[in-house]
Amino acid sequence: MPAISARSIGTTALLLLGIASAEQPISAFMAEQALDALNTMLDAWSVERLLTWTRPRYVLPLVAGQGQYTWGSVAGELTPADIPHPAPVRLEIALLNIGGSPAQEWPVQILTQEDYENLIWFKDLASSYVEACYLEDTQPYNILHVYPVLTGGHTLALLPWQAHSPYAGWDAVLEWPSGYQRAFTANLA
């Protein structure tokens, strides 16, 4: 995947708009505004599934008797979350890995808030296998509820719809699939 800098996206967009020219350098104010507009665009694109090409796979070791797990990352936090990755836009796939030879993965139903609140009456019910989960959007961490609460040790494979990472600065570089630089510059302009 090509590495694309915020500078190259912002500069090209400003050139397309006619705001900047090859002979005149971009001011610090213009660079700051272009970076802010680019990060705002990336944030908006994060809620469009067609514009999110990756689905990372995180493995969560389940703890017997624990029905809730924190998910997210906060800069400077001393106690990391159970899933120390950025909180997702949405959880798309969850698989219970019960081990064995060959290893077996079973799909876990992903519930909406309404389903979790109205259909799961005994939230502390214990079982050998997780059947469903619900991702509660809270701040600063999301909370993953598993149902029933596991009595033994298995793992849960989680495949979320992950938000795009913002550019940290004008010279920051992120990797994107081919074609995204053109989409970024045209849409930013």
Protein backbone atom coordinates (compact mmCIF):
# COMPACT_ATOMS: atom_id res chain seq x y z
CA MET A 1 0.00 0.00 0.00
CA PRO A 2 1.30 3.46 -0.80
CA ALA A 3 2.40 5.74 2.04
CA ILE A 4 0.65 9.09 1.63
CA SER A 5 1.47 12.25 3.57
CA ALA A 6 -1.03 14.85 4.68
CA ARG A 7 1.23 17.43 3.02
CA SER A 8 0.89 15.81 -0.43
CA ILE A 9 -2.90 15.55 -0.12
CA GLY A 10 -3.35 19.09 1.21
CA THR A 11 -0.91 20.69 -1.24
CA THR A 12 -2.50 19.03 -4.26
CA ALA A 13 -6.00 19.97 -3.08
CA LEU A 14 -4.97 23.60 -2.59
CA LEU A 15 -3.36 23.62 -6.06
CA LEU A 16 -6.55 22.19 -7.59
CA LEU A 17 -8.57 24.95 -5.94
CA GLY A 18 -6.19 27.62 -7.21
CA ILE A 19 -5.56 28.79 -3.64
CA ALA A 20 -1.89 27.83 -3.79
CA SER A 21 0.61 27.86 -6.62
CA ALA A 22 3.88 26.11 -7.32
CA GLU A 23 5.74 29.44 -7.00
CA GLN A 24 4.28 30.44 -3.63
CA PRO A 25 4.71 28.29 -0.50
CA ILE A 26 1.68 27.32 1.55
CA SER A 27 1.35 29.34 4.74
CA ALA A 28 1.24 27.67 8.14
CA PHE A 29 -2.37 28.78 8.53
CA MET A 30 -3.37 27.22 5.19
CA ALA A 31 -1.57 23.98 6.10
CA GLU A 32 -3.35 23.86 9.47
CA GLN A 33 -6.74 24.44 7.83
CA ALA A 34 -6.07 21.80 5.15
CA LEU A 35 -5.00 19.26 7.81
CA ASP A 36 -8.12 19.97 9.86
CA ALA A 37 -10.33 19.60 6.77
CA LEU A 38 -8.57 16.33 5.83
CA ASN A 39 -9.06 14.84 9.31
CA THR A 40 -12.70 15.96 9.32
CA MET A 41 -13.18 14.23 5.97
CA LEU A 42 -11.53 11.03 7.26
CA ASP A 43 -13.81 11.07 10.30
CA ALA A 44 -16.87 11.40 8.03
CA TRP A 45 -15.59 8.62 5.77
CA SER A 46 -15.28 6.32 8.79
CA VAL A 47 -19.06 5.93 8.95
CA GLU A 48 -19.29 4.87 5.29
CA ARG A 49 -18.64 1.12 5.07
CA LEU A 50 -17.70 1.24 1.38
CA LEU A 51 -14.86 3.65 2.20
CA THR A 52 -13.45 1.43 4.96
CA TRP A 53 -11.46 -1.32 3.30
CA THR A 54 -9.97 -3.11 6.30
CA ARG A 55 -11.44 -5.28 8.99
CA PRO A 56 -8.76 -6.09 11.58
CA ARG A 57 -8.96 -9.26 13.65
CA TYR A 58 -8.50 -8.95 17.41
CA VAL A 59 -8.39 -11.94 19.72
CA LEU A 60 -9.85 -11.53 23.21
CA PRO A 61 -9.06 -14.21 25.82
CA LEU A 62 -12.31 -14.66 27.74
CA VAL A 63 -12.11 -14.86 31.52
CA ALA A 64 -14.38 -17.25 33.40
CA GLY A 65 -17.09 -15.32 35.24
CA GLN A 66 -16.44 -12.02 33.45
CA GLY A 67 -19.31 -10.71 31.33
CA GLN A 68 -17.98 -7.25 30.38
CA TYR A 69 -14.76 -6.18 28.66
CA THR A 70 -13.49 -2.67 27.96
CA TRP A 71 -12.44 -1.73 24.42
CA GLY A 72 -10.48 1.34 23.42
CA SER A 73 -7.28 3.25 23.91
CA VAL A 74 -6.72 6.51 25.73
CA ALA A 75 -3.38 8.31 25.49
CA GLY A 76 -1.54 8.27 28.80
CA GLU A 77 -3.89 5.74 30.43
CA LEU A 78 -2.00 3.61 32.94
CA THR A 79 -4.47 0.73 32.95
CA PRO A 80 -5.13 -0.40 29.38
CA ALA A 81 -8.50 -1.71 28.27
CA ASP A 82 -9.17 -5.44 27.88
CA ILE A 83 -9.02 -4.81 24.11
CA PRO A 84 -6.32 -2.11 23.82
CA HIS A 85 -7.15 -1.03 20.27
CA PRO A 86 -9.15 2.00 19.10
CA ALA A 87 -12.86 1.63 19.76
CA PRO A 88 -14.62 0.62 16.53
CA VAL A 89 -17.47 2.24 14.68
CA ARG A 90 -19.31 -1.08 14.93
CA LEU A 91 -18.59 -4.73 15.63
CA GLU A 92 -19.34 -6.70 12.47
CA ILE A 93 -18.24 -10.27 13.21
CA ALA A 94 -17.58 -12.17 16.43
CA LEU A 95 -16.39 -15.78 16.51
CA LEU A 96 -16.01 -18.03 19.54
CA ASN A 97 -12.82 -20.07 19.28
CA ILE A 98 -13.13 -23.21 21.37
CA GLY A 99 -9.76 -24.66 20.41
CA GLY A 100 -9.43 -28.36 19.73
CA SER A 101 -7.84 -30.09 16.80
CA PRO A 102 -8.74 -28.85 14.31
CA ALA A 103 -9.55 -25.49 15.92
CA GLN A 104 -13.23 -24.60 15.78
CA GLU A 105 -14.74 -21.14 15.50
CA TRP A 106 -18.45 -20.62 15.97
CA PRO A 107 -20.31 -17.45 15.00
CA VAL A 108 -21.55 -15.35 17.90
CA GLN A 109 -24.71 -13.30 17.40
CA ILE A 110 -24.14 -9.54 17.62
CA LEU A 111 -27.02 -7.86 19.39
CA THR A 112 -28.35 -4.33 19.14
CA GLN A 113 -28.91 -2.33 22.32
CA GLU A 114 -32.65 -3.00 22.07
CA ASP A 115 -32.11 -6.76 21.75
CA TYR A 116 -29.65 -6.82 24.64
CA GLU A 117 -31.93 -4.83 26.94
CA ASN A 118 -35.22 -6.54 26.02
CA LEU A 119 -34.28 -10.14 25.15
CA ILE A 120 -31.54 -10.92 27.66
CA TRP A 121 -33.24 -11.08 31.04
CA PHE A 122 -30.58 -12.89 33.08
CA LYS A 123 -27.42 -11.07 32.07
CA ASP A 124 -25.28 -13.02 34.57
CA LEU A 125 -26.36 -16.44 33.27
CA ALA A 126 -23.31 -18.73 33.01
CA SER A 127 -22.56 -21.29 30.32
CA SER A 128 -19.70 -23.15 28.66
CA TYR A 129 -20.15 -21.18 25.44
CA VAL A 130 -20.81 -17.55 24.52
CA GLU A 131 -23.81 -17.20 22.20
CA ALA A 132 -24.19 -13.44 21.79
CA CYS A 133 -22.47 -10.14 22.44
CA TYR A 134 -23.36 -6.46 22.47
CA LEU A 135 -20.94 -3.55 22.02
CA GLU A 136 -22.04 -0.58 24.13
CA ASP A 137 -20.77 2.77 22.87
CA THR A 138 -19.52 4.56 25.98
CA GLN A 139 -16.68 7.00 26.62
CA PRO A 140 -13.74 6.82 26.95
CA TYR A 141 -13.99 3.06 26.41
CA ASN A 142 -16.65 0.94 24.74
CA ILE A 143 -17.97 -2.00 26.73
CA LEU A 144 -18.31 -5.44 25.14
CA HIS A 145 -21.00 -7.49 26.90
CA VAL A 146 -20.86 -11.26 26.34
CA TYR A 147 -23.82 -13.57 26.96
CA PRO A 148 -23.95 -15.97 28.63
CA VAL A 149 -20.99 -15.36 30.92
CA LEU A 150 -18.35 -17.97 30.19
CA THR A 151 -17.51 -20.64 32.78
CA GLY A 152 -14.36 -21.87 31.01
CA GLY A 153 -11.54 -20.38 29.00
CA HIS A 154 -12.08 -19.77 25.29
CA THR A 155 -11.21 -16.84 23.05
CA LEU A 156 -13.34 -14.49 21.05
CA ALA A 157 -12.19 -13.30 17.61
CA LEU A 158 -13.55 -9.82 16.95
CA LEU A 159 -13.68 -8.26 13.48
CA PRO A 160 -14.77 -4.62 13.83
CA TRP A 161 -15.52 -1.84 11.41
CA GLN A 162 -12.60 0.35 12.41
CA ALA A 163 -12.54 4.13 12.04
CA HIS A 164 -9.85 5.74 9.89
CA SER A 165 -6.82 7.04 11.78
CA PRO A 166 -6.42 10.81 11.62
CA TYR A 167 -3.21 12.45 10.45
CA ALA A 168 -1.20 13.61 13.48
CA GLY A 169 0.46 16.45 11.61
CA TRP A 170 1.14 18.07 8.24
CA ASP A 171 4.14 15.82 7.60
CA ALA A 172 2.53 12.65 9.00
CA VAL A 173 2.35 9.64 6.70
CA LEU A 174 -0.29 6.88 6.65
CA GLU A 175 -0.66 3.86 4.37
CA TRP A 176 -3.73 3.70 2.12
CA PRO A 177 -4.82 1.44 -0.74
CA SER A 178 -4.07 2.45 -4.32
CA GLY A 179 -6.41 5.14 -5.61
CA TYR A 180 -7.06 6.77 -2.24
CA GLN A 181 -4.66 9.68 -2.82
CA ARG A 182 -6.68 10.78 -5.85
CA ALA A 183 -9.93 10.37 -3.89
CA PHE A 184 -8.52 12.36 -0.95
CA THR A 185 -7.25 15.28 -3.03
CA ALA A 186 -10.38 15.52 -5.19
CA ASN A 187 -12.76 15.32 -2.23
CA LEU A 188 -10.69 17.65 -0.07
CA ALA A 189 -10.67 20.22 -2.88
